[in-house]
Protein backbone atom coordinates (compact mmCIF):
# COMPACT_ATOMS: atom_id res chain seq x y z
CA MET A 1 22.60 -132.85 236.39
CA ILE A 2 22.56 -134.28 232.87
CA TYR A 3 23.35 -131.86 230.04
CA GLU A 4 22.35 -132.92 226.53
CA ILE A 5 24.24 -130.92 223.93
CA SER A 6 23.74 -131.55 220.22
CA VAL A 7 26.98 -130.88 218.33
CA GLU A 8 28.24 -130.90 214.76
CA ASN A 9 31.19 -132.75 213.17
CA ILE A 10 31.16 -136.05 215.09
CA LYS A 11 32.33 -138.58 212.53
CA CYS A 12 33.50 -141.70 214.37
CA GLY A 13 34.57 -143.39 217.57
CA GLY A 14 37.81 -141.40 217.51
CA CYS A 15 35.81 -138.19 217.75
CA ALA A 16 33.74 -139.64 220.56
CA GLY A 17 36.88 -140.75 222.39
CA THR A 18 38.46 -137.31 222.16
CA ILE A 19 35.29 -135.60 223.39
CA THR A 20 34.89 -138.03 226.27
CA LYS A 21 38.51 -137.73 227.38
CA LYS A 22 38.69 -133.93 227.23
CA ILE A 23 35.27 -133.22 228.73
CA ASN A 24 35.88 -135.67 231.59
CA GLU A 25 39.00 -133.64 232.49
CA ILE A 26 36.82 -130.63 233.39
CA GLU A 27 36.32 -130.21 237.13
CA GLY A 28 32.73 -130.99 238.07
CA VAL A 29 32.15 -133.51 235.25
CA ASN A 30 31.25 -137.02 236.40
CA SER A 31 30.81 -138.76 233.05
CA THR A 32 30.33 -138.19 229.33
CA ASN A 33 28.46 -140.25 226.74
CA VAL A 34 28.65 -139.49 223.02
CA GLU A 35 26.05 -140.75 220.55
CA ILE A 36 27.94 -140.72 217.26
CA GLU A 37 24.90 -141.26 215.02
CA THR A 38 22.90 -138.34 216.43
CA GLY A 39 25.72 -136.00 217.46
CA LEU A 40 24.33 -135.86 220.99
CA VAL A 41 26.73 -135.45 223.89
CA LYS A 42 25.28 -136.32 227.31
CA ILE A 43 27.30 -135.03 230.22
CA ASP A 44 26.68 -135.70 233.90
CA ALA A 45 28.09 -132.67 235.70
CA VAL A 46 27.43 -130.15 238.43
CA GLU A 47 24.81 -127.48 237.86
CA GLY A 48 25.89 -124.26 236.15
CA LEU A 49 28.55 -125.84 233.92
CA ARG A 50 26.71 -125.76 230.57
CA ASP A 51 28.49 -122.70 229.15
CA THR A 52 31.89 -124.18 230.03
CA LEU A 53 30.97 -127.48 228.39
CA VAL A 54 29.72 -125.81 225.19
CA SER A 55 32.84 -123.63 225.05
CA ASN A 56 35.15 -126.63 225.46
CA LEU A 57 33.28 -128.63 222.82
CA LEU A 58 33.70 -125.70 220.41
CA LYS A 59 37.45 -125.51 221.16
CA LEU A 60 37.69 -129.22 220.35
CA GLY A 61 35.99 -128.61 216.99
CA TYR A 62 32.46 -129.69 217.90
CA PRO A 63 30.24 -126.59 217.92
CA GLU A 64 26.75 -126.79 219.33
CA THR A 65 24.29 -127.44 216.52
CA GLY A 66 22.89 -124.23 215.09
CA THR A 67 25.44 -121.89 216.68
CA ALA A 68 28.53 -122.01 214.43
CA ALA A 69 28.54 -119.93 211.26
CA GLY A 70 30.91 -118.82 208.52
CA MET A 71 34.62 -119.04 209.29
CA ALA A 72 33.99 -120.34 212.80
CA ALA A 73 32.25 -123.40 211.35
CA ALA A 74 35.11 -124.06 208.90
CA LYS A 75 37.66 -123.74 211.69
CA ALA A 76 35.63 -126.04 213.93
CA LYS A 77 35.35 -128.62 211.15
CA ALA A 78 39.13 -128.61 210.64
CA LYS A 79 39.67 -129.11 214.39
CA SER A 80 37.21 -131.99 214.45
CA PHE A 81 39.18 -133.79 211.72
CA VAL A 82 42.35 -133.44 213.81
CA SER A 83 40.50 -134.71 216.90
CA CYS A 84 39.19 -137.61 214.86
CA ALA A 85 42.70 -138.59 213.75
CA VAL A 86 44.14 -138.20 217.26
CA GLY A 87 41.29 -140.25 218.73
CA ARG A 88 41.97 -143.04 216.25
CA ILE A 89 45.68 -143.03 217.01
CA ASN A 90 45.02 -143.15 220.77
CA ALA A 91 42.50 -145.98 220.30
CA ASP A 92 45.16 -148.07 218.58
CA LYS A 93 47.48 -147.89 221.61
C-alpha cells in the first residue's frame, strides 16, 4: 500500500535523507520517497501503518500538513532544523 502524507518543514535533501532513513527503519515499510518541493512523503508499507508513520514523522519534526498548531508547530520546526543539519552531515560522509 502506498501512503501519501503531506508534511511541513522539509527544507532540503538532508531533511529528505533523515526522513527516508528513519521511516525505512519501521517494520512493515518497504520504501520511502520524499518530494522536497511539495513536502509529499510517499511510503510503501503494509496496510494499517498510517498512524504510526504520521506519528514518527511528527517526532522527526515533520508534522502532517494542517495538523500541527501553536507550540507543537514551533517544536516540530526546531526538530526539523536539527534533522536537516544531521542529514547534511551524514550526506557528507
